[in-house]
Amino acid sequence: MRGRTAMDVRMVHKAMFLIREVHASRQDAVHALLEYFPGTAFEDRLRCVHEAWDMLSRTAHRV
């Protein structure tokens, strides 16, 4: 597993915001990240959205 970069952390946080606050679907969040982080690879954006989704799901189960 590769280490997370500062960009990865920012993309995960932005994805969490898009999913939780904007109520974006995972697919919409992947596409929206391109506007915030131009030039990022689709695979990187997809990975960050999946990570954000997992983090939000774990948080929701604790409540």
PDB file of N, CA and C in Angstrom:
ATOM      1  N   MET A   1       0.844  -1.184   0.000  1.00  0.00           N
ATOM      2  CA  MET A   1       0.000   0.000   0.000  1.00  0.00           C
ATOM      3  C   MET A   1       0.887   1.243   0.000  1.00  0.00           C
ATOM      4  N   ARG A   2       0.615   2.129  -0.905  1.00  0.00           N
ATOM      5  CA  ARG A   2       1.446   3.323  -0.986  1.00  0.00           C
ATOM      6  C   ARG A   2       0.998   4.336   0.047  1.00  0.00           C
ATOM      7  N   GLY A   3       1.926   5.177   0.467  1.00  0.00           N
ATOM      8  CA  GLY A   3       1.604   6.202   1.456  1.00  0.00           C
ATOM      9  C   GLY A   3       0.744   7.293   0.843  1.00  0.00           C
ATOM     10  N   ARG A   4      -0.025   7.935   1.679  1.00  0.00           N
ATOM     11  CA  ARG A   4      -0.878   9.024   1.197  1.00  0.00           C
ATOM     12  C   ARG A   4      -0.079  10.313   1.124  1.00  0.00           C
ATOM     13  N   THR A   5      -0.296  11.040   0.064  1.00  0.00           N
ATOM     14  CA  THR A   5       0.335  12.346  -0.094  1.00  0.00           C
ATOM     15  C   THR A   5      -0.599  13.411   0.472  1.00  0.00           C
ATOM     16  N   ALA A   6      -0.075  14.622   0.577  1.00  0.00           N
ATOM     17  CA  ALA A   6      -0.911  15.738   1.038  1.00  0.00           C
ATOM     18  C   ALA A   6      -2.091  15.943   0.090  1.00  0.00           C
ATOM     19  N   MET A   7      -1.840  15.731  -1.208  1.00  0.00           N
ATOM     20  CA  MET A   7      -2.923  15.863  -2.202  1.00  0.00           C
ATOM     21  C   MET A   7      -3.992  14.813  -1.955  1.00  0.00           C
ATOM     22  N   ASP A   8      -3.581  13.579  -1.651  1.00  0.00           N
ATOM     23  CA  ASP A   8      -4.550  12.517  -1.362  1.00  0.00           C
ATOM     24  C   ASP A   8      -5.430  12.905  -0.184  1.00  0.00           C
ATOM     25  N   VAL A   9      -4.811  13.417   0.861  1.00  0.00           N
ATOM     26  CA  VAL A   9      -5.557  13.797   2.068  1.00  0.00           C
ATOM     27  C   VAL A   9      -6.560  14.898   1.734  1.00  0.00           C
ATOM     28  N   ARG A  10      -6.132  15.890   0.972  1.00  0.00           N
ATOM     29  CA  ARG A  10      -7.050  16.973   0.588  1.00  0.00           C
ATOM     30  C   ARG A  10      -8.184  16.442  -0.273  1.00  0.00           C
ATOM     31  N   MET A  11      -7.878  15.532  -1.198  1.00  0.00           N
ATOM     32  CA  MET A  11      -8.943  14.981  -2.057  1.00  0.00           C
ATOM     33  C   MET A  11      -9.925  14.154  -1.241  1.00  0.00           C
ATOM     34  N   VAL A  12      -9.447  13.384  -0.279  1.00  0.00           N
ATOM     35  CA  VAL A  12     -10.345  12.593   0.568  1.00  0.00           C
ATOM     36  C   VAL A  12     -11.255  13.523   1.366  1.00  0.00           C
ATOM     37  N   HIS A  13     -10.687  14.575   1.941  1.00  0.00           N
ATOM     38  CA  HIS A  13     -11.518  15.516   2.710  1.00  0.00           C
ATOM     39  C   HIS A  13     -12.546  16.215   1.824  1.00  0.00           C
ATOM     40  N   LYS A  14     -12.148  16.595   0.626  1.00  0.00           N
ATOM     41  CA  LYS A  14     -13.096  17.238  -0.294  1.00  0.00           C
ATOM     42  C   LYS A  14     -14.188  16.241  -0.690  1.00  0.00           C
ATOM     43  N   ALA A  15     -13.813  14.996  -0.932  1.00  0.00           N
ATOM     44  CA  ALA A  15     -14.800  13.969  -1.278  1.00  0.00           C
ATOM     45  C   ALA A  15     -15.776  13.753  -0.124  1.00  0.00           C
ATOM     46  N   MET A  16     -15.272  13.751   1.104  1.00  0.00           N
ATOM     47  CA  MET A  16     -16.151  13.603   2.263  1.00  0.00           C
ATOM     48  C   MET A  16     -17.148  14.763   2.317  1.00  0.00           C
ATOM     49  N   PHE A  17     -16.659  15.968   2.068  1.00  0.00           N
ATOM     50  CA  PHE A  17     -17.541  17.135   2.040  1.00  0.00           C
ATOM     51  C   PHE A  17     -18.610  16.980   0.960  1.00  0.00           C
ATOM     52  N   LEU A  18     -18.202  16.585  -0.230  1.00  0.00           N
ATOM     53  CA  LEU A  18     -19.155  16.457  -1.333  1.00  0.00           C
ATOM     54  C   LEU A  18     -20.222  15.408  -1.037  1.00  0.00           C
ATOM     55  N   ILE A  19     -19.813  14.305  -0.440  1.00  0.00           N
ATOM     56  CA  ILE A  19     -20.759  13.220  -0.152  1.00  0.00           C
ATOM     57  C   ILE A  19     -21.679  13.598   1.012  1.00  0.00           C
ATOM     58  N   ARG A  20     -21.090  14.127   2.075  1.00  0.00           N
ATOM     59  CA  ARG A  20     -21.867  14.399   3.300  1.00  0.00           C
ATOM     60  C   ARG A  20     -22.687  15.680   3.214  1.00  0.00           C
ATOM     61  N   GLU A  21     -22.073  16.756   2.763  1.00  0.00           N
ATOM     62  CA  GLU A  21     -22.739  18.059   2.809  1.00  0.00           C
ATOM     63  C   GLU A  21     -23.505  18.397   1.529  1.00  0.00           C
ATOM     64  N   VAL A  22     -22.959  18.021   0.396  1.00  0.00           N
ATOM     65  CA  VAL A  22     -23.591  18.346  -0.892  1.00  0.00           C
ATOM     66  C   VAL A  22     -24.515  17.213  -1.337  1.00  0.00           C
ATOM     67  N   HIS A  23     -24.396  16.067  -0.669  1.00  0.00           N
ATOM     68  CA  HIS A  23     -25.192  14.881  -1.001  1.00  0.00           C
ATOM     69  C   HIS A  23     -24.916  14.393  -2.424  1.00  0.00           C
ATOM     70  N   ALA A  24     -23.647  14.532  -2.845  1.00  0.00           N
ATOM     71  CA  ALA A  24     -23.240  14.041  -4.166  1.00  0.00           C
ATOM     72  C   ALA A  24     -23.146  12.518  -4.122  1.00  0.00           C
ATOM     73  N   SER A  25     -23.501  11.901  -5.222  1.00  0.00           N
ATOM     74  CA  SER A  25     -23.290  10.461  -5.334  1.00  0.00           C
ATOM     75  C   SER A  25     -21.795  10.208  -5.439  1.00  0.00           C
ATOM     76  N   ARG A  26     -21.382   8.972  -5.257  1.00  0.00           N
ATOM     77  CA  ARG A  26     -19.955   8.664  -5.394  1.00  0.00           C
ATOM     78  C   ARG A  26     -19.473   8.979  -6.795  1.00  0.00           C
ATOM     79  N   GLN A  27     -20.273   8.668  -7.791  1.00  0.00           N
ATOM     80  CA  GLN A  27     -19.889   8.947  -9.177  1.00  0.00           C
ATOM     81  C   GLN A  27     -19.750  10.452  -9.405  1.00  0.00           C
ATOM     82  N   ASP A  28     -20.701  11.225  -8.901  1.00  0.00           N
ATOM     83  CA  ASP A  28     -20.624  12.680  -9.050  1.00  0.00           C
ATOM     84  C   ASP A  28     -19.422  13.258  -8.306  1.00  0.00           C
ATOM     85  N   ALA A  29     -19.113  12.699  -7.150  1.00  0.00           N
ATOM     86  CA  ALA A  29     -17.960  13.170  -6.380  1.00  0.00           C
ATOM     87  C   ALA A  29     -16.659  12.927  -7.132  1.00  0.00           C
ATOM     88  N   VAL A  30     -16.543  11.767  -7.780  1.00  0.00           N
ATOM     89  CA  VAL A  30     -15.340  11.467  -8.567  1.00  0.00           C
ATOM     90  C   VAL A  30     -15.162  12.518  -9.653  1.00  0.00           C
ATOM     91  N   HIS A  31     -16.229  12.838 -10.342  1.00  0.00           N
ATOM     92  CA  HIS A  31     -16.154  13.828 -11.426  1.00  0.00           C
ATOM     93  C   HIS A  31     -15.933  15.241 -10.875  1.00  0.00           C
ATOM     94  N   ALA A  32     -16.567  15.565  -9.743  1.00  0.00           N
ATOM     95  CA  ALA A  32     -16.409  16.902  -9.162  1.00  0.00           C
ATOM     96  C   ALA A  32     -14.981  17.143  -8.686  1.00  0.00           C
ATOM     97  N   LEU A  33     -14.312  16.107  -8.215  1.00  0.00           N
ATOM     98  CA  LEU A  33     -12.937  16.278  -7.750  1.00  0.00           C
ATOM     99  C   LEU A  33     -12.023  16.788  -8.856  1.00  0.00           C
ATOM    100  N   LEU A  34     -12.342  16.473 -10.095  1.00  0.00           N
ATOM    101  CA  LEU A  34     -11.523  16.950 -11.213  1.00  0.00           C
ATOM    102  C   LEU A  34     -11.545  18.474 -11.295  1.00  0.00           C
ATOM    103  N   GLU A  35     -12.669  19.073 -10.933  1.00  0.00           N
ATOM    104  CA  GLU A  35     -12.754  20.535 -10.950  1.00  0.00           C
ATOM    105  C   GLU A  35     -11.902  21.152  -9.846  1.00  0.00           C
ATOM    106  N   TYR A  36     -11.827  20.489  -8.699  1.00  0.00           N
ATOM    107  CA  TYR A  36     -11.038  20.998  -7.583  1.00  0.00           C
ATOM    108  C   TYR A  36      -9.555  20.643  -7.723  1.00  0.00           C
ATOM    109  N   PHE A  37      -9.275  19.531  -8.368  1.00  0.00           N
ATOM    110  CA  PHE A  37      -7.903  19.046  -8.515  1.00  0.00           C
ATOM    111  C   PHE A  37      -7.646  18.691  -9.976  1.00  0.00           C
ATOM    112  N   PRO A  38      -7.500  19.721 -10.822  1.00  0.00           N
ATOM    113  CA  PRO A  38      -7.313  19.466 -12.254  1.00  0.00           C
ATOM    114  C   PRO A  38      -6.044  18.648 -12.515  1.00  0.00           C
ATOM    115  N   GLY A  39      -6.144  17.781 -13.491  1.00  0.00           N
ATOM    116  CA  GLY A  39      -4.997  16.978 -13.879  1.00  0.00           C
ATOM    117  C   GLY A  39      -4.830  15.694 -13.096  1.00  0.00           C
ATOM    118  N   THR A  40      -5.694  15.458 -12.102  1.00  0.00           N
ATOM    119  CA  THR A  40      -5.579  14.213 -11.337  1.00  0.00           C
ATOM    120  C   THR A  40      -6.153  13.060 -12.143  1.00  0.00           C
ATOM    121  N   ALA A  41      -5.569  11.903 -11.948  1.00  0.00           N
ATOM    122  CA  ALA A  41      -5.995  10.706 -12.667  1.00  0.00           C
ATOM    123  C   ALA A  41      -7.341  10.218 -12.128  1.00  0.00           C
ATOM    124  N   PHE A  42      -8.137   9.670 -13.017  1.00  0.00           N
ATOM    125  CA  PHE A  42      -9.439   9.124 -12.629  1.00  0.00           C
ATOM    126  C   PHE A  42      -9.278   8.102 -11.507  1.00  0.00           C
ATOM    127  N   GLU A  43      -8.284   7.234 -11.616  1.00  0.00           N
ATOM    128  CA  GLU A  43      -8.069   6.179 -10.621  1.00  0.00           C
ATOM    129  C   GLU A  43      -7.778   6.775  -9.240  1.00  0.00           C
ATOM    130  N   ASP A  44      -7.018   7.868  -9.200  1.00  0.00           N
ATOM    131  CA  ASP A  44      -6.714   8.512  -7.917  1.00  0.00           C
ATOM    132  C   ASP A  44      -7.965   9.131  -7.312  1.00  0.00           C
ATOM    133  N   ARG A  45      -8.770   9.778  -8.140  1.00  0.00           N
ATOM    134  CA  ARG A  45     -10.008  10.379  -7.642  1.00  0.00           C
ATOM    135  C   ARG A  45     -10.972   9.297  -7.170  1.00  0.00           C
ATOM    136  N   LEU A  46     -11.059   8.216  -7.907  1.00  0.00           N
ATOM    137  CA  LEU A  46     -11.923   7.102  -7.532  1.00  0.00           C
ATOM    138  C   LEU A  46     -11.485   6.501  -6.200  1.00  0.00           C
ATOM    139  N   ARG A  47     -10.189   6.307  -6.032  1.00  0.00           N
ATOM    140  CA  ARG A  47      -9.652   5.752  -4.797  1.00  0.00           C
ATOM    141  C   ARG A  47      -9.967   6.660  -3.612  1.00  0.00           C
ATOM    142  N   CYS A  48      -9.809   7.956  -3.791  1.00  0.00           N
ATOM    143  CA  CYS A  48     -10.085   8.905  -2.704  1.00  0.00           C
ATOM    144  C   CYS A  48     -11.563   8.938  -2.339  1.00  0.00           C
ATOM    145  N   VAL A  49     -12.430   8.848  -3.324  1.00  0.00           N
ATOM    146  CA  VAL A  49     -13.871   8.810  -3.048  1.00  0.00           C
ATOM    147  C   VAL A  49     -14.233   7.529  -2.309  1.00  0.00           C
ATOM    148  N   HIS A  50     -13.653   6.411  -2.709  1.00  0.00           N
ATOM    149  CA  HIS A  50     -13.925   5.147  -2.004  1.00  0.00           C
ATOM    150  C   HIS A  50     -13.445   5.234  -0.553  1.00  0.00           C
ATOM    151  N   GLU A  51     -12.282   5.826  -0.355  1.00  0.00           N
ATOM    152  CA  GLU A  51     -11.764   5.982   1.000  1.00  0.00           C
ATOM    153  C   GLU A  51     -12.672   6.897   1.823  1.00  0.00           C
ATOM    154  N   ALA A  52     -13.119   7.992   1.236  1.00  0.00           N
ATOM    155  CA  ALA A  52     -14.028   8.905   1.932  1.00  0.00           C
ATOM    156  C   ALA A  52     -15.331   8.195   2.286  1.00  0.00           C
ATOM    157  N   TRP A  53     -15.870   7.434   1.347  1.00  0.00           N
ATOM    158  CA  TRP A  53     -17.118   6.701   1.576  1.00  0.00           C
ATOM    159  C   TRP A  53     -16.949   5.720   2.742  1.00  0.00           C
ATOM    160  N   ASP A  54     -15.820   5.006   2.741  1.00  0.00           N
ATOM    161  CA  ASP A  54     -15.552   4.056   3.824  1.00  0.00           C
ATOM    162  C   ASP A  54     -15.457   4.762   5.168  1.00  0.00           C
ATOM    163  N   MET A  55     -14.772   5.898   5.201  1.00  0.00           N
ATOM    164  CA  MET A  55     -14.626   6.643   6.455  1.00  0.00           C
ATOM    165  C   MET A  55     -15.981   7.140   6.953  1.00  0.00           C
ATOM    166  N   LEU A  56     -16.798   7.651   6.049  1.00  0.00           N
ATOM    167  CA  LEU A  56     -18.122   8.137   6.434  1.00  0.00           C
ATOM    168  C   LEU A  56     -19.022   6.993   6.881  1.00  0.00           C
ATOM    169  N   SER A  57     -18.901   5.852   6.236  1.00  0.00           N
ATOM    170  CA  SER A  57     -19.715   4.680   6.616  1.00  0.00           C
ATOM    171  C   SER A  57     -19.337   4.182   7.992  1.00  0.00           C
ATOM    172  N   ARG A  58     -18.059   4.157   8.301  1.00  0.00           N
ATOM    173  CA  ARG A  58     -17.622   3.712   9.626  1.00  0.00           C
ATOM    174  C   ARG A  58     -18.115   4.670  10.696  1.00  0.00           C
ATOM    175  N   THR A  59     -18.079   5.966  10.411  1.00  0.00           N
ATOM    176  CA  THR A  59     -18.539   6.976  11.360  1.00  0.00           C
ATOM    177  C   THR A  59     -20.045   6.830  11.601  1.00  0.00           C
ATOM    178  N   ALA A  60     -20.799   6.576  10.551  1.00  0.00           N
ATOM    179  CA  ALA A  60     -22.252   6.451  10.658  1.00  0.00           C
ATOM    180  C   ALA A  60     -22.639   5.229  11.495  1.00  0.00           C
ATOM    181  N   HIS A  61     -21.869   4.164  11.426  1.00  0.00           N
ATOM    182  CA  HIS A  61     -22.185   2.954  12.173  1.00  0.00           C
ATOM    183  C   HIS A  61     -21.915   3.108  13.655  1.00  0.00           C
ATOM    184  N   ARG A  62     -21.052   4.042  14.035  1.00  0.00           N
ATOM    185  CA  ARG A  62     -20.722   4.255  15.438  1.00  0.00           C
ATOM    186  C   ARG A  62     -21.819   4.998  16.180  1.00  0.00           C
ATOM    187  N   VAL A  63     -22.605   5.769  15.457  1.00  0.00           N
ATOM    188  CA  VAL A  63     -23.615   6.623  16.102  1.00  0.00           C
ATOM    189  C   VAL A  63     -24.803   5.828  16.514  1.00  0.00           C
TER     190      VAL A  63
END
